[in-house]
N, C-alpha and C. Protein backbone atom coordinates (compact mmCIF):
# COMPACT_ATOMS: atom_id res chain seq x y z
N MET A 1 -23.65 -17.09 9.91
CA MET A 1 -23.70 -16.13 11.05
C MET A 1 -24.00 -15.07 10.46
N GLU A 2 -24.46 -13.88 10.84
CA GLU A 2 -24.51 -12.45 10.17
C GLU A 2 -23.55 -11.90 10.96
N VAL A 3 -22.58 -10.81 10.49
CA VAL A 3 -21.88 -10.19 10.95
C VAL A 3 -21.68 -8.55 10.86
N LEU A 4 -21.25 -7.88 11.73
CA LEU A 4 -21.09 -6.14 11.22
C LEU A 4 -19.48 -6.28 11.67
N PHE A 5 -19.41 -5.44 10.21
CA PHE A 5 -17.87 -5.59 10.17
C PHE A 5 -17.55 -3.91 11.00
N VAL A 6 -16.50 -4.30 12.16
CA VAL A 6 -15.96 -3.06 12.75
C VAL A 6 -14.60 -2.72 12.12
N LYS A 7 -14.08 -3.43 11.48
CA LYS A 7 -12.88 -2.78 10.78
C LYS A 7 -12.55 -3.45 9.72
N ASP A 8 -11.81 -2.42 8.80
CA ASP A 8 -11.67 -3.42 7.20
C ASP A 8 -10.79 -4.94 7.45
N VAL A 9 -11.52 -5.96 7.04
CA VAL A 9 -10.94 -7.19 6.84
C VAL A 9 -10.64 -7.16 5.04
N SER A 10 -9.19 -7.54 4.98
CA SER A 10 -9.19 -7.36 3.33
C SER A 10 -9.88 -8.90 2.77
N GLY A 11 -10.05 -8.33 1.76
CA GLY A 11 -10.94 -9.33 0.85
C GLY A 11 -12.30 -10.24 1.38
N ILE A 12 -12.64 -9.81 2.25
CA ILE A 12 -13.91 -9.96 2.97
C ILE A 12 -14.94 -8.77 3.35
N GLY A 13 -14.25 -8.00 3.93
CA GLY A 13 -15.51 -6.69 4.07
C GLY A 13 -15.19 -5.81 4.69
N LYS A 14 -15.85 -4.47 4.44
CA LYS A 14 -15.15 -3.23 4.87
C LYS A 14 -15.86 -2.60 6.47
N ALA A 15 -15.31 -1.81 7.35
CA ALA A 15 -16.15 -1.57 8.29
C ALA A 15 -17.34 -0.70 8.33
N GLY A 16 -18.46 -1.55 8.68
CA GLY A 16 -19.83 -0.78 8.72
C GLY A 16 -20.66 -1.65 7.64
N GLN A 17 -19.90 -2.37 7.01
CA GLN A 17 -20.71 -3.32 6.11
C GLN A 17 -21.10 -5.04 7.28
N THR A 18 -22.42 -5.72 6.54
CA THR A 18 -22.78 -7.01 7.10
C THR A 18 -22.64 -7.79 6.04
N LYS A 19 -22.15 -8.93 6.71
CA LYS A 19 -22.37 -10.12 5.91
C LYS A 19 -22.44 -11.56 6.06
N LYS A 20 -22.85 -12.25 5.96
CA LYS A 20 -22.79 -13.66 6.13
C LYS A 20 -21.65 -14.34 6.26
N VAL A 21 -21.08 -14.86 7.40
CA VAL A 21 -19.95 -15.70 7.13
C VAL A 21 -20.24 -17.01 7.72
N ALA A 22 -19.12 -18.01 7.64
CA ALA A 22 -19.60 -19.08 8.32
C ALA A 22 -18.82 -18.95 9.96
N ASP A 23 -20.41 -19.76 10.73
CA ASP A 23 -19.85 -19.60 12.09
C ASP A 23 -18.34 -20.02 12.57
N GLY A 24 -17.92 -20.81 12.50
CA GLY A 24 -16.37 -20.97 12.74
C GLY A 24 -15.47 -19.74 12.88
N TYR A 25 -15.50 -19.37 11.55
CA TYR A 25 -15.12 -18.54 11.07
C TYR A 25 -14.83 -16.90 11.95
N ALA A 26 -16.45 -16.71 11.93
CA ALA A 26 -16.91 -15.53 12.92
C ALA A 26 -16.37 -16.12 14.33
N ARG A 27 -16.55 -17.29 14.80
CA ARG A 27 -16.23 -17.48 16.48
C ARG A 27 -15.10 -17.19 16.61
N ASN A 28 -14.12 -17.99 15.60
CA ASN A 28 -13.00 -18.11 15.77
C ASN A 28 -11.74 -17.48 15.62
N TYR A 29 -12.14 -16.57 14.73
CA TYR A 29 -11.11 -15.57 14.03
C TYR A 29 -12.15 -13.82 14.45
N LEU A 30 -12.88 -13.83 13.74
CA LEU A 30 -13.70 -12.36 13.73
C LEU A 30 -14.07 -11.92 14.67
N LEU A 31 -14.61 -12.74 15.62
CA LEU A 31 -14.82 -12.22 17.21
C LEU A 31 -13.90 -11.86 18.36
N PRO A 32 -12.84 -12.80 17.80
CA PRO A 32 -12.15 -12.77 19.18
C PRO A 32 -11.16 -11.40 18.86
N ARG A 33 -10.62 -11.38 18.00
CA ARG A 33 -9.94 -10.35 17.42
C ARG A 33 -10.49 -8.68 17.39
N LYS A 34 -12.11 -9.09 17.75
CA LYS A 34 -12.91 -7.53 17.64
C LYS A 34 -12.81 -6.86 16.25
N LEU A 35 -12.86 -8.02 15.19
CA LEU A 35 -12.97 -7.18 13.44
C LEU A 35 -14.41 -6.77 13.47
N ALA A 36 -15.34 -7.32 14.09
CA ALA A 36 -16.77 -7.58 13.95
C ALA A 36 -17.15 -7.98 15.12
N VAL A 37 -18.53 -7.74 14.73
CA VAL A 37 -19.70 -8.09 15.65
C VAL A 37 -20.94 -8.53 15.51
N VAL A 38 -21.68 -9.63 16.27
CA VAL A 38 -22.36 -10.15 15.68
C VAL A 38 -23.60 -8.77 15.14
N ALA A 39 -24.13 -9.62 14.18
CA ALA A 39 -25.42 -8.46 13.61
C ALA A 39 -26.98 -8.42 14.19
N THR A 40 -26.22 -7.53 15.31
CA THR A 40 -28.14 -7.33 16.14
C THR A 40 -28.73 -5.94 15.80
N ALA A 41 -29.93 -5.60 16.55
CA ALA A 41 -30.44 -4.84 16.17
C ALA A 41 -29.56 -3.42 16.49
N THR A 42 -29.09 -3.25 17.74
CA THR A 42 -28.76 -2.44 17.81
C THR A 42 -27.29 -1.83 17.41
N ALA A 43 -26.69 -3.08 17.00
CA ALA A 43 -25.10 -3.31 16.11
C ALA A 43 -25.57 -2.35 14.86
N MET A 44 -26.66 -2.99 14.08
CA MET A 44 -27.89 -2.41 12.65
C MET A 44 -27.33 -1.07 13.14
N LYS A 45 -28.18 -0.26 13.81
CA LYS A 45 -27.89 1.03 14.39
C LYS A 45 -26.69 1.78 14.09
N GLN A 46 -25.68 1.43 14.85
CA GLN A 46 -24.57 1.48 14.85
C GLN A 46 -23.77 1.48 13.55
N ALA A 47 -24.12 0.84 12.73
CA ALA A 47 -23.29 0.64 11.51
C ALA A 47 -23.12 1.54 10.38
N GLU A 48 -24.53 2.10 10.79
CA GLU A 48 -24.13 3.72 9.65
C GLU A 48 -23.29 4.67 10.35
N SER A 49 -22.96 4.95 11.52
CA SER A 49 -21.79 5.79 12.04
C SER A 49 -20.62 5.16 11.52
N LEU A 50 -20.78 3.82 11.67
CA LEU A 50 -19.31 3.18 10.91
C LEU A 50 -19.15 2.97 9.47
N ARG A 51 -20.11 3.41 8.90
CA ARG A 51 -19.76 3.34 7.29
C ARG A 51 -19.74 4.59 7.00
N GLN A 52 -20.22 5.65 7.82
CA GLN A 52 -19.52 7.11 7.38
C GLN A 52 -18.39 7.32 7.96
N ALA A 53 -17.96 6.89 8.85
CA ALA A 53 -16.05 6.81 9.76
C ALA A 53 -15.71 6.07 8.14
N SER A 54 -16.22 5.17 8.03
CA SER A 54 -15.23 4.55 6.76
C SER A 54 -15.01 4.78 5.70
N VAL A 55 -16.21 5.78 5.02
CA VAL A 55 -15.84 6.45 3.76
C VAL A 55 -15.25 7.60 4.11
N LYS A 56 -15.67 8.54 5.41
CA LYS A 56 -14.53 9.44 5.45
C LYS A 56 -12.55 9.43 5.44
N LYS A 57 -12.58 8.22 6.06
CA LYS A 57 -10.90 7.29 6.01
C LYS A 57 -10.81 7.12 5.01
N GLU A 58 -11.54 6.52 4.08
CA GLU A 58 -11.18 5.96 2.50
C GLU A 58 -10.61 7.47 2.09
N THR A 59 -11.58 8.38 1.89
CA THR A 59 -11.48 9.62 1.34
C THR A 59 -9.93 10.11 1.68
N GLU A 60 -10.18 10.63 2.97
CA GLU A 60 -8.68 10.75 3.19
C GLU A 60 -7.38 10.22 3.01
N THR A 61 -7.46 8.81 2.78
CA THR A 61 -6.26 8.05 2.51
C THR A 61 -6.05 8.29 0.92
N ARG A 62 -7.21 8.25 0.22
CA ARG A 62 -7.05 8.24 -1.37
C ARG A 62 -6.48 10.33 -1.49
N ASP A 63 -7.11 10.64 -0.77
CA ASP A 63 -6.42 12.35 -0.87
C ASP A 63 -4.86 12.43 -1.04
N GLU A 64 -4.54 12.21 0.38
CA GLU A 64 -3.12 12.02 0.65
C GLU A 64 -2.42 10.79 -0.24
N ALA A 65 -2.70 9.89 -0.77
CA ALA A 65 -2.31 8.65 -1.78
C ALA A 65 -1.96 9.83 -2.80
N GLN A 66 -3.60 10.80 -3.63
CA GLN A 66 -3.21 11.53 -4.42
C GLN A 66 -2.03 12.62 -4.41
N THR A 67 -1.77 13.51 -3.34
CA THR A 67 -0.99 14.20 -3.15
C THR A 67 0.45 14.14 -3.17
N LEU A 68 0.76 12.43 -2.92
CA LEU A 68 2.18 11.41 -2.60
C LEU A 68 2.37 11.64 -3.94
N ALA A 69 1.09 11.07 -4.97
CA ALA A 69 1.49 10.41 -5.75
C ALA A 69 2.32 11.71 -7.18
N GLY A 70 1.68 12.93 -6.88
CA GLY A 70 2.32 14.02 -7.54
C GLY A 70 3.51 14.11 -7.61
N ILE A 71 3.89 14.43 -5.96
CA ILE A 71 5.33 14.59 -5.70
C ILE A 71 6.22 13.11 -6.09
N LEU A 72 5.82 12.07 -5.94
CA LEU A 72 6.78 11.27 -6.73
C LEU A 72 6.32 11.15 -8.46
N ALA A 73 5.56 11.86 -8.94
CA ALA A 73 5.81 11.45 -10.54
C ALA A 73 6.95 12.64 -10.54
N ASN A 74 7.28 13.91 -9.74
CA ASN A 74 8.65 14.66 -10.34
C ASN A 74 9.79 14.41 -9.39
N THR A 75 10.04 12.93 -8.89
CA THR A 75 11.03 12.63 -8.20
C THR A 75 11.88 11.62 -8.81
N ARG A 76 13.29 12.16 -9.09
CA ARG A 76 14.26 11.02 -9.34
C ARG A 76 15.38 10.61 -8.80
N LEU A 77 15.38 9.63 -8.28
CA LEU A 77 16.27 8.94 -7.51
C LEU A 77 17.72 8.48 -8.41
N VAL A 78 18.65 8.83 -7.77
CA VAL A 78 20.06 8.58 -8.55
C VAL A 78 21.03 7.74 -7.89
N PHE A 79 21.08 6.33 -8.60
CA PHE A 79 21.92 5.54 -8.13
C PHE A 79 23.45 5.49 -8.61
N GLN A 80 24.26 5.95 -8.13
CA GLN A 80 25.40 5.53 -8.92
C GLN A 80 26.54 4.19 -8.45
N MET A 81 26.49 3.09 -9.90
CA MET A 81 26.91 1.68 -8.94
C MET A 81 28.05 1.38 -9.89
N LYS A 82 28.65 0.74 -9.70
CA LYS A 82 29.62 -0.22 -10.71
C LYS A 82 29.26 -0.89 -11.49
N ALA A 83 29.83 -0.62 -12.55
CA ALA A 83 29.16 -1.85 -14.13
C ALA A 83 30.09 -2.11 -14.65
N GLY A 84 29.65 -3.29 -15.21
CA GLY A 84 30.68 -4.08 -16.18
C GLY A 84 30.64 -3.95 -17.43
N GLU A 85 30.86 -4.99 -18.19
CA GLU A 85 30.54 -5.17 -19.46
C GLU A 85 29.12 -5.49 -19.81
N ASN A 86 28.47 -4.42 -21.31
CA ASN A 86 26.94 -4.78 -21.68
C ASN A 86 26.49 -3.90 -20.46
N ASP A 87 26.83 -2.80 -19.98
CA ASP A 87 26.26 -1.77 -18.69
C ASP A 87 25.33 -2.87 -17.40
N ARG A 88 25.97 -3.73 -17.45
CA ARG A 88 25.42 -4.89 -16.09
C ARG A 88 26.05 -4.45 -14.35
N LEU A 89 25.25 -4.20 -13.85
CA LEU A 89 25.79 -3.55 -12.47
C LEU A 89 26.66 -4.78 -11.93
N PHE A 90 27.11 -4.61 -11.11
CA PHE A 90 28.02 -5.35 -10.11
C PHE A 90 26.96 -5.66 -8.86
N GLY A 91 26.12 -6.00 -8.82
CA GLY A 91 24.80 -6.01 -7.50
C GLY A 91 23.44 -5.46 -8.19
N ALA A 92 22.42 -5.22 -7.37
CA ALA A 92 21.21 -4.56 -7.77
C ALA A 92 20.90 -3.41 -7.07
N ILE A 93 19.80 -2.93 -7.37
CA ILE A 93 18.59 -2.39 -7.16
C ILE A 93 17.53 -2.91 -6.78
N THR A 94 17.53 -2.96 -5.47
CA THR A 94 15.97 -3.58 -4.99
C THR A 94 14.91 -2.68 -4.43
N ALA A 95 13.66 -3.19 -4.19
CA ALA A 95 12.66 -2.48 -3.39
C ALA A 95 12.95 -1.63 -2.13
N GLY A 96 14.28 -2.25 -1.63
CA GLY A 96 14.34 -1.50 -0.15
C GLY A 96 15.64 -0.30 -0.23
N ASP A 97 16.33 -0.56 -1.73
CA ASP A 97 17.44 0.45 -1.46
C ASP A 97 16.24 1.96 -2.25
N ILE A 98 15.20 1.55 -2.84
CA ILE A 98 14.60 2.78 -3.24
C ILE A 98 13.90 3.22 -2.41
N ALA A 99 13.09 2.67 -1.30
CA ALA A 99 12.93 3.11 -0.13
C ALA A 99 13.79 3.84 0.69
N GLU A 100 14.86 3.32 0.75
CA GLU A 100 15.95 4.10 1.55
C GLU A 100 16.35 4.91 1.13
N ALA A 101 16.06 5.46 -0.17
CA ALA A 101 16.94 6.43 -0.97
C ALA A 101 15.29 7.50 -0.81
N LEU A 102 14.37 7.39 -0.89
CA LEU A 102 13.22 8.27 -0.78
C LEU A 102 13.29 8.87 0.26
N GLN A 103 13.68 8.00 1.69
CA GLN A 103 13.40 8.59 2.60
C GLN A 103 15.04 9.43 2.63
N ARG A 104 15.93 8.98 2.69
CA ARG A 104 17.32 9.62 3.03
C ARG A 104 17.33 11.39 2.13
N ASP A 105 16.66 11.06 0.85
CA ASP A 105 17.11 12.22 0.27
C ASP A 105 15.72 13.25 -0.22
N HIS A 106 14.34 12.67 0.10
CA HIS A 106 13.13 13.32 0.18
C HIS A 106 12.43 13.26 1.18
N GLN A 107 12.78 12.84 2.35
CA GLN A 107 11.86 12.84 3.42
C GLN A 107 10.55 12.19 3.30
N ILE A 108 10.48 10.97 2.39
CA ILE A 108 9.41 10.35 1.94
C ILE A 108 9.26 9.09 2.51
N THR A 109 8.32 8.68 3.44
CA THR A 109 8.42 7.26 3.93
C THR A 109 7.31 6.30 3.11
N ILE A 110 8.22 5.25 2.66
CA ILE A 110 6.91 4.43 2.15
C ILE A 110 7.98 3.13 2.10
N ASP A 111 6.61 1.98 2.56
CA ASP A 111 7.40 0.61 2.86
C ASP A 111 7.47 0.08 1.69
N ARG A 112 8.60 -0.75 1.78
CA ARG A 112 9.36 -1.46 0.53
C ARG A 112 8.65 -2.09 -0.15
N ARG A 113 7.84 -2.88 0.66
CA ARG A 113 6.72 -3.82 0.14
C ARG A 113 5.59 -3.14 -1.06
N LYS A 114 5.76 -1.83 -0.75
CA LYS A 114 4.79 -1.25 -1.71
C LYS A 114 5.33 -0.83 -2.86
N ILE A 115 6.82 -0.90 -3.05
CA ILE A 115 7.04 -0.54 -4.62
C ILE A 115 7.18 -1.76 -5.32
N GLU A 116 6.46 -2.00 -5.95
CA GLU A 116 6.37 -3.11 -7.11
C GLU A 116 7.03 -2.99 -8.26
N LEU A 117 8.50 -3.69 -7.86
CA LEU A 117 9.31 -4.07 -8.79
C LEU A 117 9.50 -5.22 -8.66
N ASP A 118 9.37 -5.38 -10.41
CA ASP A 118 9.41 -6.99 -10.56
C ASP A 118 10.59 -8.09 -10.22
N ALA A 119 11.75 -7.60 -10.74
CA ALA A 119 12.97 -7.93 -10.40
C ALA A 119 13.84 -6.79 -9.89
N PRO A 120 14.84 -6.95 -9.19
CA PRO A 120 15.83 -6.15 -9.08
C PRO A 120 16.28 -5.26 -10.46
N ILE A 121 16.88 -4.08 -10.35
CA ILE A 121 17.62 -3.36 -11.35
C ILE A 121 19.11 -3.69 -11.61
N LYS A 122 19.03 -4.27 -12.75
CA LYS A 122 20.55 -4.55 -12.80
C LYS A 122 21.31 -3.54 -14.30
N GLY A 123 20.48 -3.15 -14.42
CA GLY A 123 20.94 -2.05 -15.56
C GLY A 123 21.09 -0.74 -15.32
N LEU A 124 22.11 -0.08 -16.14
CA LEU A 124 22.33 1.41 -16.55
C LEU A 124 21.11 1.77 -16.84
N GLY A 125 20.85 3.17 -16.50
CA GLY A 125 19.79 4.02 -17.62
C GLY A 125 18.88 4.24 -16.33
N GLU A 126 17.87 4.95 -17.04
CA GLU A 126 16.58 5.34 -16.13
C GLU A 126 15.41 4.05 -16.33
N HIS A 127 14.74 3.94 -15.26
CA HIS A 127 13.30 3.39 -15.00
C HIS A 127 12.35 3.62 -14.22
N ARG A 128 11.60 3.22 -15.17
CA ARG A 128 10.21 3.73 -14.03
C ARG A 128 9.69 2.74 -13.23
N VAL A 129 10.05 2.91 -12.27
CA VAL A 129 9.13 2.26 -11.13
C VAL A 129 7.89 2.24 -10.49
N PRO A 130 6.84 1.41 -10.57
CA PRO A 130 5.52 1.90 -9.90
C PRO A 130 5.49 1.75 -8.69
N ILE A 131 4.79 2.05 -7.70
CA ILE A 131 4.56 2.13 -6.25
C ILE A 131 2.99 2.16 -5.74
N LYS A 132 2.59 0.98 -5.16
CA LYS A 132 1.05 0.92 -4.54
C LYS A 132 0.70 1.82 -3.52
N LEU A 133 0.75 2.95 -3.91
CA LEU A 133 0.25 4.17 -2.65
C LEU A 133 -1.56 3.40 -1.70
N HIS A 134 -2.04 3.39 -3.19
CA HIS A 134 -3.93 3.18 -2.88
C HIS A 134 -4.10 2.39 -4.15
N PRO A 135 -5.20 1.99 -3.91
CA PRO A 135 -5.88 0.92 -5.12
C PRO A 135 -6.12 1.56 -6.25
N GLU A 136 -6.76 3.09 -5.98
CA GLU A 136 -7.28 3.70 -6.91
C GLU A 136 -6.38 4.76 -7.66
N VAL A 137 -5.20 4.75 -6.90
CA VAL A 137 -4.09 6.07 -7.16
C VAL A 137 -2.66 5.29 -7.68
N PRO A 138 -2.39 5.53 -9.22
CA PRO A 138 -1.31 5.19 -9.08
C PRO A 138 -0.13 6.33 -9.13
N ALA A 139 0.79 5.57 -8.59
CA ALA A 139 2.17 6.15 -8.68
C ALA A 139 3.40 5.66 -9.41
N THR A 140 4.53 6.46 -10.07
CA THR A 140 5.60 6.17 -10.59
C THR A 140 7.08 7.23 -10.03
N VAL A 141 8.21 6.23 -9.54
CA VAL A 141 9.08 7.22 -9.60
C VAL A 141 10.23 6.58 -10.51
N THR A 142 10.92 7.58 -11.24
CA THR A 142 12.40 7.41 -12.04
C THR A 142 13.09 7.00 -11.16
N VAL A 143 14.44 5.98 -11.43
CA VAL A 143 15.00 5.70 -10.86
C VAL A 143 16.11 5.67 -11.79
N ALA A 144 17.13 6.27 -11.40
CA ALA A 144 18.53 6.60 -12.55
C ALA A 144 19.81 5.93 -12.22
N VAL A 145 20.29 4.96 -13.22
CA VAL A 145 21.28 4.39 -12.39
C VAL A 145 22.51 4.89 -13.27
N GLU A 146 23.43 5.38 -12.46
CA GLU A 146 24.70 5.33 -13.70
C GLU A 146 25.79 5.13 -12.75
N ARG A 147 27.25 4.82 -13.94
CA ARG A 147 28.24 4.22 -13.71
C ARG A 147 28.88 5.18 -12.70
N GLU A 148 29.29 4.34 -12.12
CA GLU A 148 29.98 5.21 -10.53
C GLU A 148 31.90 5.65 -11.19
């Protein structure tokens, strides 16, 4: 079945795009959730305005992400924690802790799931932590861990 996407569907299609999908997927998932409509002649006419709106929204989000990435590049978060021998922390700094510190200290709201921390930070020193703001915009924040 050929459908016209009304909203972005991750991994499948973007708003304004037409694509052939399985009948059951369209009937049971896309259409009931109003993520897509059947690609008819009138729907195809509306597709162009959807494409333009999608491009405009994508540009705005990319610009916002670039601005935020510039701010984050100059941001340094300092955590003071107890540490034992070999500069190992009693505890760890997680993505949730970083998101909370950004909100508390710099009034920057970032979802903890966008902070790409491979493993919790368990050592003293400075760490560069990548943040996924937008697929095309890389951002990093510096996290300094000091002995309490």
